[in-house]
């Protein structure tokens, strides 16, 4: 029996896996700082800006539920977490929401999206007052930008 076709197929599979390994290892970070008109601020791995809510206490749980969370969806942890250049691992964390899901925090602040930001890079609700507090983009230091 000629085993060369099987051997060639096996070598091809190994080479294909090796070619994709570097791409998997350099996956987009969970959280990254990107330039914006507000300076370097936090974005998720898909390029969506993240906001902090001034009504949330630093190190506390989210106060945004119901209609608030429909307009300002929490940035939930899905899978692993990693940081882009210039961000500190010690500032990355989570807080548990009432439904048991983990919301990503940075410098103790729960992070959110704004539902109106539909394209990567959109920042349409900086310094907007809604639901009893202000919504602010977050600098790479972890402080809200005013």
N, C-alpha and C. Protein backbone atom coordinates (compact mmCIF):
# COMPACT_ATOMS: atom_id res chain seq x y z
N UNK A 1 0.84 -1.18 0.00
CA UNK A 1 0.00 0.00 0.00
C UNK A 1 0.89 1.25 0.00
N UNK A 2 0.58 2.18 -0.88
CA UNK A 2 1.35 3.42 -1.00
C UNK A 2 0.86 4.43 0.03
N UNK A 3 1.74 4.80 0.96
CA UNK A 3 1.37 5.71 2.05
C UNK A 3 1.73 7.16 1.74
N UNK A 4 2.30 7.43 0.61
CA UNK A 4 2.71 8.79 0.29
C UNK A 4 1.54 9.78 0.28
N UNK A 5 0.37 9.48 -0.30
CA UNK A 5 -0.73 10.45 -0.27
C UNK A 5 -1.16 10.80 1.16
N UNK A 6 -1.16 9.82 2.05
CA UNK A 6 -1.54 10.08 3.44
C UNK A 6 -0.48 10.94 4.12
N UNK A 7 0.79 10.61 3.88
CA UNK A 7 1.88 11.37 4.45
C UNK A 7 1.87 12.82 3.95
N UNK A 8 1.63 13.01 2.66
CA UNK A 8 1.56 14.36 2.10
C UNK A 8 0.40 15.15 2.69
N UNK A 9 -0.73 14.51 2.88
CA UNK A 9 -1.89 15.17 3.48
C UNK A 9 -1.59 15.57 4.92
N UNK A 10 -0.92 14.70 5.67
CA UNK A 10 -0.56 14.99 7.05
C UNK A 10 0.43 16.16 7.13
N UNK A 11 1.44 16.17 6.29
CA UNK A 11 2.42 17.27 6.25
C UNK A 11 1.71 18.57 5.89
N UNK A 12 0.81 18.53 4.93
CA UNK A 12 0.06 19.72 4.54
C UNK A 12 -0.77 20.27 5.69
N UNK A 13 -1.40 19.39 6.46
CA UNK A 13 -2.21 19.83 7.60
C UNK A 13 -1.35 20.47 8.67
N UNK A 14 -0.18 19.89 8.94
CA UNK A 14 0.73 20.45 9.94
C UNK A 14 1.22 21.82 9.50
N UNK A 15 1.58 21.96 8.23
CA UNK A 15 2.06 23.25 7.72
C UNK A 15 0.95 24.31 7.77
N UNK A 16 -0.26 23.92 7.45
CA UNK A 16 -1.38 24.86 7.51
C UNK A 16 -1.62 25.32 8.94
N UNK A 17 -1.55 24.41 9.90
CA UNK A 17 -1.74 24.78 11.31
C UNK A 17 -0.63 25.71 11.77
N UNK A 18 0.60 25.43 11.36
CA UNK A 18 1.73 26.28 11.74
C UNK A 18 1.59 27.68 11.15
N UNK A 19 1.05 27.79 9.96
CA UNK A 19 0.89 29.09 9.32
C UNK A 19 -0.14 29.95 10.04
N UNK A 20 -1.15 29.34 10.65
CA UNK A 20 -2.18 30.12 11.34
C UNK A 20 -1.86 30.35 12.81
N UNK A 21 -0.89 29.67 13.38
CA UNK A 21 -0.56 29.82 14.79
C UNK A 21 -0.16 31.25 15.16
N UNK A 22 0.72 31.93 14.41
CA UNK A 22 1.06 33.30 14.80
C UNK A 22 -0.15 34.23 14.82
N UNK A 23 -1.08 34.04 13.92
CA UNK A 23 -2.28 34.89 13.89
C UNK A 23 -3.09 34.70 15.16
N UNK A 24 -3.23 33.47 15.61
CA UNK A 24 -3.98 33.20 16.82
C UNK A 24 -3.27 33.78 18.04
N UNK A 25 -1.95 33.74 18.06
CA UNK A 25 -1.20 34.23 19.18
C UNK A 25 -1.23 35.75 19.26
N UNK A 26 -1.45 36.43 18.15
CA UNK A 26 -1.48 37.89 18.15
C UNK A 26 -2.90 38.40 18.01
N UNK A 27 -3.83 37.72 18.67
CA UNK A 27 -5.24 38.11 18.60
C UNK A 27 -5.42 39.52 19.14
N UNK A 28 -6.46 40.19 18.69
CA UNK A 28 -6.75 41.55 19.12
C UNK A 28 -7.01 41.56 20.62
N UNK A 29 -6.42 42.52 21.34
CA UNK A 29 -6.63 42.58 22.79
C UNK A 29 -8.09 42.84 23.16
N UNK A 30 -8.48 42.37 24.33
CA UNK A 30 -9.80 42.62 24.88
C UNK A 30 -10.03 44.11 25.09
N UNK A 31 -8.99 44.78 25.52
CA UNK A 31 -9.05 46.20 25.83
C UNK A 31 -7.81 46.86 25.27
N UNK A 32 -8.00 47.98 24.60
CA UNK A 32 -6.86 48.69 24.02
C UNK A 32 -7.09 50.19 24.08
N UNK A 33 -6.01 50.95 24.04
CA UNK A 33 -6.08 52.41 24.01
C UNK A 33 -5.81 52.84 22.58
N UNK A 34 -6.74 53.65 22.05
CA UNK A 34 -6.58 54.16 20.69
C UNK A 34 -6.75 55.67 20.70
N UNK A 35 -6.15 56.30 19.73
CA UNK A 35 -6.26 57.76 19.61
C UNK A 35 -7.67 58.15 19.18
N UNK A 36 -8.13 59.25 19.76
CA UNK A 36 -9.44 59.83 19.41
C UNK A 36 -9.33 61.34 19.58
N UNK A 37 -10.40 62.04 19.30
CA UNK A 37 -10.38 63.50 19.49
C UNK A 37 -10.33 63.86 20.98
N UNK A 38 -10.48 62.87 21.86
CA UNK A 38 -10.40 63.07 23.31
C UNK A 38 -9.08 62.55 23.88
N UNK A 39 -8.13 62.26 23.01
CA UNK A 39 -6.86 61.67 23.43
C UNK A 39 -6.92 60.16 23.29
N UNK A 40 -6.00 59.46 23.94
CA UNK A 40 -6.02 57.99 23.91
C UNK A 40 -7.05 57.51 24.92
N UNK A 41 -8.06 56.79 24.41
CA UNK A 41 -9.14 56.29 25.26
C UNK A 41 -9.34 54.80 25.02
N UNK A 42 -10.13 54.18 25.89
CA UNK A 42 -10.34 52.74 25.84
C UNK A 42 -11.33 52.32 24.76
N UNK A 43 -10.95 51.26 24.06
CA UNK A 43 -11.78 50.62 23.05
C UNK A 43 -11.74 49.12 23.29
N UNK A 44 -12.77 48.43 22.81
CA UNK A 44 -12.73 46.97 22.86
C UNK A 44 -11.93 46.46 21.66
N UNK A 45 -11.84 45.15 21.51
CA UNK A 45 -11.07 44.55 20.44
C UNK A 45 -11.64 44.76 19.05
N UNK A 46 -12.90 45.18 18.94
CA UNK A 46 -13.52 45.44 17.63
C UNK A 46 -13.48 46.92 17.25
N UNK A 47 -12.90 47.75 18.12
CA UNK A 47 -12.80 49.17 17.82
C UNK A 47 -13.96 50.01 18.33
N UNK A 48 -14.77 49.45 19.22
CA UNK A 48 -15.88 50.22 19.82
C UNK A 48 -15.40 50.89 21.09
N UNK A 49 -15.69 52.19 21.22
CA UNK A 49 -15.27 52.95 22.39
C UNK A 49 -16.04 52.47 23.62
N UNK A 50 -15.42 52.64 24.77
CA UNK A 50 -16.03 52.24 26.03
C UNK A 50 -16.19 53.46 26.93
N UNK A 51 -17.28 53.47 27.68
CA UNK A 51 -17.64 54.59 28.54
C UNK A 51 -17.69 54.16 30.00
N UNK A 52 -17.52 55.15 30.89
CA UNK A 52 -17.75 54.98 32.32
C UNK A 52 -18.98 55.82 32.68
N UNK A 53 -19.69 55.40 33.72
CA UNK A 53 -20.89 56.08 34.20
C UNK A 53 -20.55 56.69 35.56
N UNK A 54 -20.70 58.00 35.70
CA UNK A 54 -20.29 58.67 36.94
C UNK A 54 -21.13 58.26 38.15
N UNK A 55 -22.29 57.68 37.92
CA UNK A 55 -23.12 57.23 39.03
C UNK A 55 -22.56 55.95 39.67
N UNK A 56 -21.77 55.18 38.92
CA UNK A 56 -21.13 53.99 39.48
C UNK A 56 -20.00 54.43 40.42
N UNK A 57 -19.89 53.77 41.55
CA UNK A 57 -18.79 54.06 42.47
C UNK A 57 -17.57 53.27 42.03
N UNK A 58 -16.40 53.89 42.13
CA UNK A 58 -15.16 53.20 41.78
C UNK A 58 -15.02 51.98 42.68
N UNK A 59 -14.75 50.83 42.07
CA UNK A 59 -14.61 49.59 42.82
C UNK A 59 -15.93 48.94 43.18
N UNK A 60 -17.04 49.57 42.77
CA UNK A 60 -18.35 49.03 43.09
C UNK A 60 -18.99 48.34 41.91
N UNK A 61 -20.22 48.01 42.10
CA UNK A 61 -20.99 47.35 41.04
C UNK A 61 -21.67 48.38 40.16
N UNK A 62 -22.12 47.90 39.03
CA UNK A 62 -22.85 48.74 38.09
C UNK A 62 -24.18 49.17 38.70
N UNK A 63 -24.58 50.39 38.38
CA UNK A 63 -25.90 50.88 38.78
C UNK A 63 -26.81 51.01 37.56
N UNK A 64 -26.36 50.54 36.42
CA UNK A 64 -27.09 50.69 35.15
C UNK A 64 -27.78 49.38 34.78
N UNK A 65 -29.12 49.36 34.94
CA UNK A 65 -29.94 48.19 34.62
C UNK A 65 -31.19 48.65 33.90
N UNK A 66 -31.96 47.72 33.36
CA UNK A 66 -33.22 48.04 32.71
C UNK A 66 -33.04 48.91 31.48
N UNK A 67 -33.81 50.02 31.42
CA UNK A 67 -33.72 50.93 30.27
C UNK A 67 -32.31 51.50 30.12
N UNK A 68 -31.66 51.75 31.23
CA UNK A 68 -30.29 52.27 31.19
C UNK A 68 -29.37 51.28 30.46
N UNK A 69 -29.43 50.01 30.83
CA UNK A 69 -28.57 48.99 30.20
C UNK A 69 -28.96 48.72 28.75
N UNK A 70 -30.20 49.02 28.38
CA UNK A 70 -30.59 48.88 26.98
C UNK A 70 -29.93 49.97 26.14
N UNK A 71 -29.82 51.18 26.69
CA UNK A 71 -29.17 52.28 25.99
C UNK A 71 -27.65 52.22 26.11
N UNK A 72 -27.17 51.73 27.25
CA UNK A 72 -25.74 51.67 27.56
C UNK A 72 -25.39 50.23 27.95
N UNK A 73 -25.29 49.33 26.98
CA UNK A 73 -25.01 47.92 27.30
C UNK A 73 -23.67 47.75 28.02
N UNK A 74 -23.65 46.91 29.03
CA UNK A 74 -22.38 46.67 29.73
C UNK A 74 -21.41 45.92 28.83
N UNK A 75 -20.13 46.17 29.03
CA UNK A 75 -19.07 45.45 28.33
C UNK A 75 -18.82 44.18 29.13
N UNK A 76 -19.34 43.06 28.64
CA UNK A 76 -19.29 41.80 29.36
C UNK A 76 -18.06 40.99 28.96
N UNK A 77 -17.53 40.26 29.92
CA UNK A 77 -16.39 39.40 29.67
C UNK A 77 -16.85 38.15 28.95
N UNK A 78 -16.23 37.90 27.81
CA UNK A 78 -16.51 36.68 27.04
C UNK A 78 -15.16 36.05 26.73
N UNK A 79 -14.87 34.95 27.38
CA UNK A 79 -13.57 34.31 27.16
C UNK A 79 -12.48 35.00 27.96
N UNK A 80 -11.27 34.90 27.45
CA UNK A 80 -10.12 35.48 28.13
C UNK A 80 -10.08 36.98 28.01
N UNK A 81 -9.13 37.57 28.70
CA UNK A 81 -8.97 39.02 28.62
C UNK A 81 -7.49 39.34 28.43
N UNK A 82 -7.25 40.34 27.63
CA UNK A 82 -5.88 40.76 27.38
C UNK A 82 -5.87 42.26 27.13
N UNK A 83 -4.69 42.85 27.27
CA UNK A 83 -4.55 44.29 27.15
C UNK A 83 -3.63 44.67 26.01
N UNK A 84 -3.93 45.79 25.39
CA UNK A 84 -3.06 46.36 24.38
C UNK A 84 -1.96 47.18 25.03
N UNK A 85 -1.05 47.66 24.22
CA UNK A 85 0.09 48.45 24.68
C UNK A 85 -0.36 49.68 25.45
N UNK A 86 0.35 50.00 26.52
CA UNK A 86 0.08 51.20 27.29
C UNK A 86 -0.96 51.04 28.38
N UNK A 87 -1.58 49.87 28.50
CA UNK A 87 -2.58 49.63 29.55
C UNK A 87 -1.97 48.75 30.63
N UNK A 88 -2.47 48.88 31.86
CA UNK A 88 -1.91 48.15 32.99
C UNK A 88 -2.79 46.97 33.39
N UNK A 89 -2.19 45.79 33.44
CA UNK A 89 -2.90 44.58 33.84
C UNK A 89 -3.51 44.73 35.23
N UNK A 90 -2.83 45.44 36.12
CA UNK A 90 -3.33 45.60 37.49
C UNK A 90 -4.62 46.41 37.55
N UNK A 91 -4.94 47.17 36.50
CA UNK A 91 -6.17 47.98 36.47
C UNK A 91 -7.35 47.23 35.87
N UNK A 92 -7.09 46.10 35.22
CA UNK A 92 -8.14 45.32 34.56
C UNK A 92 -8.84 44.41 35.56
N UNK A 93 -10.16 44.42 35.55
CA UNK A 93 -10.90 43.57 36.47
C UNK A 93 -12.31 43.31 35.97
N UNK A 94 -13.14 42.77 36.85
CA UNK A 94 -14.55 42.52 36.53
C UNK A 94 -15.40 42.82 37.76
N UNK A 95 -16.67 43.01 37.51
CA UNK A 95 -17.66 43.10 38.57
C UNK A 95 -18.84 42.23 38.15
N UNK A 96 -19.45 41.57 39.12
CA UNK A 96 -20.57 40.68 38.81
C UNK A 96 -21.87 41.47 38.78
N UNK A 97 -22.62 41.30 37.69
CA UNK A 97 -23.92 41.95 37.55
C UNK A 97 -24.99 41.11 38.24
N UNK A 98 -26.16 41.67 38.42
CA UNK A 98 -27.27 40.97 39.10
C UNK A 98 -27.61 39.64 38.45
N UNK A 99 -27.43 39.58 37.11
CA UNK A 99 -27.75 38.33 36.40
C UNK A 99 -26.60 37.33 36.44
N UNK A 100 -25.54 37.65 37.14
CA UNK A 100 -24.40 36.75 37.29
C UNK A 100 -23.31 36.94 36.24
N UNK A 101 -23.57 37.72 35.21
CA UNK A 101 -22.57 37.95 34.17
C UNK A 101 -21.47 38.86 34.69
N UNK A 102 -20.27 38.70 34.12
CA UNK A 102 -19.14 39.52 34.53
C UNK A 102 -18.97 40.70 33.59
N UNK A 103 -18.97 41.90 34.16
CA UNK A 103 -18.76 43.13 33.41
C UNK A 103 -17.30 43.55 33.59
N UNK A 104 -16.66 43.90 32.49
CA UNK A 104 -15.26 44.32 32.53
C UNK A 104 -15.16 45.68 33.20
N UNK A 105 -14.14 45.82 34.06
CA UNK A 105 -13.84 47.09 34.70
C UNK A 105 -12.40 47.47 34.37
N UNK A 106 -12.13 48.76 34.44
CA UNK A 106 -10.75 49.24 34.32
C UNK A 106 -10.59 50.33 35.36
N UNK A 107 -9.56 50.20 36.18
CA UNK A 107 -9.34 51.11 37.31
C UNK A 107 -10.57 51.14 38.21
N UNK A 108 -11.25 50.00 38.34
CA UNK A 108 -12.41 49.89 39.21
C UNK A 108 -13.70 50.43 38.65
N UNK A 109 -13.69 50.89 37.40
CA UNK A 109 -14.90 51.47 36.80
C UNK A 109 -15.53 50.47 35.83
N UNK A 110 -16.81 50.12 36.03
CA UNK A 110 -17.49 49.27 35.05
C UNK A 110 -17.52 49.98 33.69
N UNK A 111 -17.35 49.22 32.62
CA UNK A 111 -17.30 49.79 31.27
C UNK A 111 -18.55 49.44 30.49
N UNK A 112 -18.94 50.38 29.60
CA UNK A 112 -20.17 50.26 28.83
C UNK A 112 -19.95 50.69 27.38
N UNK A 113 -20.84 50.21 26.54
CA UNK A 113 -20.97 50.71 25.17
C UNK A 113 -22.12 51.72 25.15
N UNK A 114 -22.24 52.47 24.08
CA UNK A 114 -23.44 53.25 23.81
C UNK A 114 -24.07 52.67 22.57
N UNK A 115 -25.36 52.36 22.63
CA UNK A 115 -26.00 51.66 21.51
C UNK A 115 -26.00 52.47 20.22
N UNK A 116 -25.88 53.78 20.30
CA UNK A 116 -25.85 54.63 19.11
C UNK A 116 -24.50 54.64 18.39
N UNK A 117 -23.45 54.16 19.06
CA UNK A 117 -22.13 54.04 18.42
C UNK A 117 -22.16 52.75 17.61
N UNK A 118 -22.42 52.86 16.33
CA UNK A 118 -22.62 51.66 15.51
C UNK A 118 -21.41 51.25 14.68
N UNK A 119 -20.48 52.18 14.47
CA UNK A 119 -19.29 51.87 13.67
C UNK A 119 -18.05 51.94 14.55
N UNK A 120 -17.02 51.13 14.24
CA UNK A 120 -15.78 51.26 14.98
C UNK A 120 -15.29 52.71 14.96
N UNK A 121 -14.88 53.20 16.12
CA UNK A 121 -14.38 54.56 16.22
C UNK A 121 -15.43 55.61 16.56
N UNK A 122 -16.72 55.26 16.46
CA UNK A 122 -17.78 56.22 16.82
C UNK A 122 -17.66 56.61 18.30
N UNK A 123 -17.80 57.89 18.58
CA UNK A 123 -17.91 58.40 19.95
C UNK A 123 -18.99 59.47 19.90
N UNK A 124 -20.25 59.03 20.04
CA UNK A 124 -21.38 59.93 19.84
C UNK A 124 -22.00 60.45 21.13
N UNK A 125 -21.59 59.94 22.28
CA UNK A 125 -22.24 60.37 23.52
C UNK A 125 -21.26 60.71 24.63
N UNK A 126 -20.17 61.36 24.30
CA UNK A 126 -19.23 61.80 25.31
C UNK A 126 -19.83 62.93 26.14
N UNK A 127 -19.72 62.81 27.45
CA UNK A 127 -20.16 63.82 28.42
C UNK A 127 -21.65 64.13 28.29
N UNK A 128 -22.44 63.08 28.18
CA UNK A 128 -23.89 63.18 28.10
C UNK A 128 -24.46 62.80 29.46
N UNK A 129 -25.44 63.56 29.95
CA UNK A 129 -26.11 63.26 31.22
C UNK A 129 -27.37 62.45 30.95
N UNK A 130 -27.41 61.25 31.47
CA UNK A 130 -28.58 60.35 31.36
C UNK A 130 -28.58 59.39 32.53
N UNK A 131 -29.77 59.02 32.97
CA UNK A 131 -29.96 58.01 34.02
C UNK A 131 -29.27 58.38 35.33
N UNK A 132 -29.24 59.67 35.63
CA UNK A 132 -28.72 60.12 36.92
C UNK A 132 -27.22 60.31 37.00
N UNK A 133 -26.54 60.30 35.87
CA UNK A 133 -25.10 60.51 35.88
C UNK A 133 -24.61 60.92 34.50
N UNK A 134 -23.32 61.09 34.38
CA UNK A 134 -22.72 61.44 33.08
C UNK A 134 -21.99 60.24 32.52
N UNK A 135 -21.94 60.18 31.21
CA UNK A 135 -21.26 59.11 30.48
C UNK A 135 -20.02 59.71 29.85
N UNK A 136 -18.87 59.12 30.18
CA UNK A 136 -17.59 59.67 29.75
C UNK A 136 -16.69 58.58 29.19
N UNK A 137 -15.97 58.89 28.12
CA UNK A 137 -14.96 57.96 27.63
C UNK A 137 -13.87 57.88 28.70
N UNK A 138 -13.06 56.83 28.64
CA UNK A 138 -12.08 56.55 29.68
C UNK A 138 -10.67 56.62 29.11
N UNK A 139 -9.83 57.44 29.74
CA UNK A 139 -8.44 57.55 29.33
C UNK A 139 -7.69 56.26 29.68
N UNK A 140 -6.53 56.05 29.08
CA UNK A 140 -5.79 54.82 29.36
C UNK A 140 -5.32 54.75 30.82
N UNK A 141 -5.33 55.88 31.51
CA UNK A 141 -5.01 55.90 32.94
C UNK A 141 -6.14 55.30 33.78
N UNK A 142 -7.34 55.19 33.17
CA UNK A 142 -8.52 54.72 33.87
C UNK A 142 -9.43 55.83 34.35
N UNK A 143 -9.01 57.07 34.16
CA UNK A 143 -9.83 58.21 34.59
C UNK A 143 -10.79 58.61 33.47
N UNK A 144 -12.04 58.95 33.83
CA UNK A 144 -12.99 59.45 32.82
C UNK A 144 -12.49 60.78 32.25
N UNK A 145 -12.75 60.99 30.97
CA UNK A 145 -12.33 62.22 30.29
C UNK A 145 -13.48 63.21 30.32
N UNK A 146 -13.23 64.38 30.84
CA UNK A 146 -14.27 65.43 30.88
C UNK A 146 -14.09 66.41 29.77
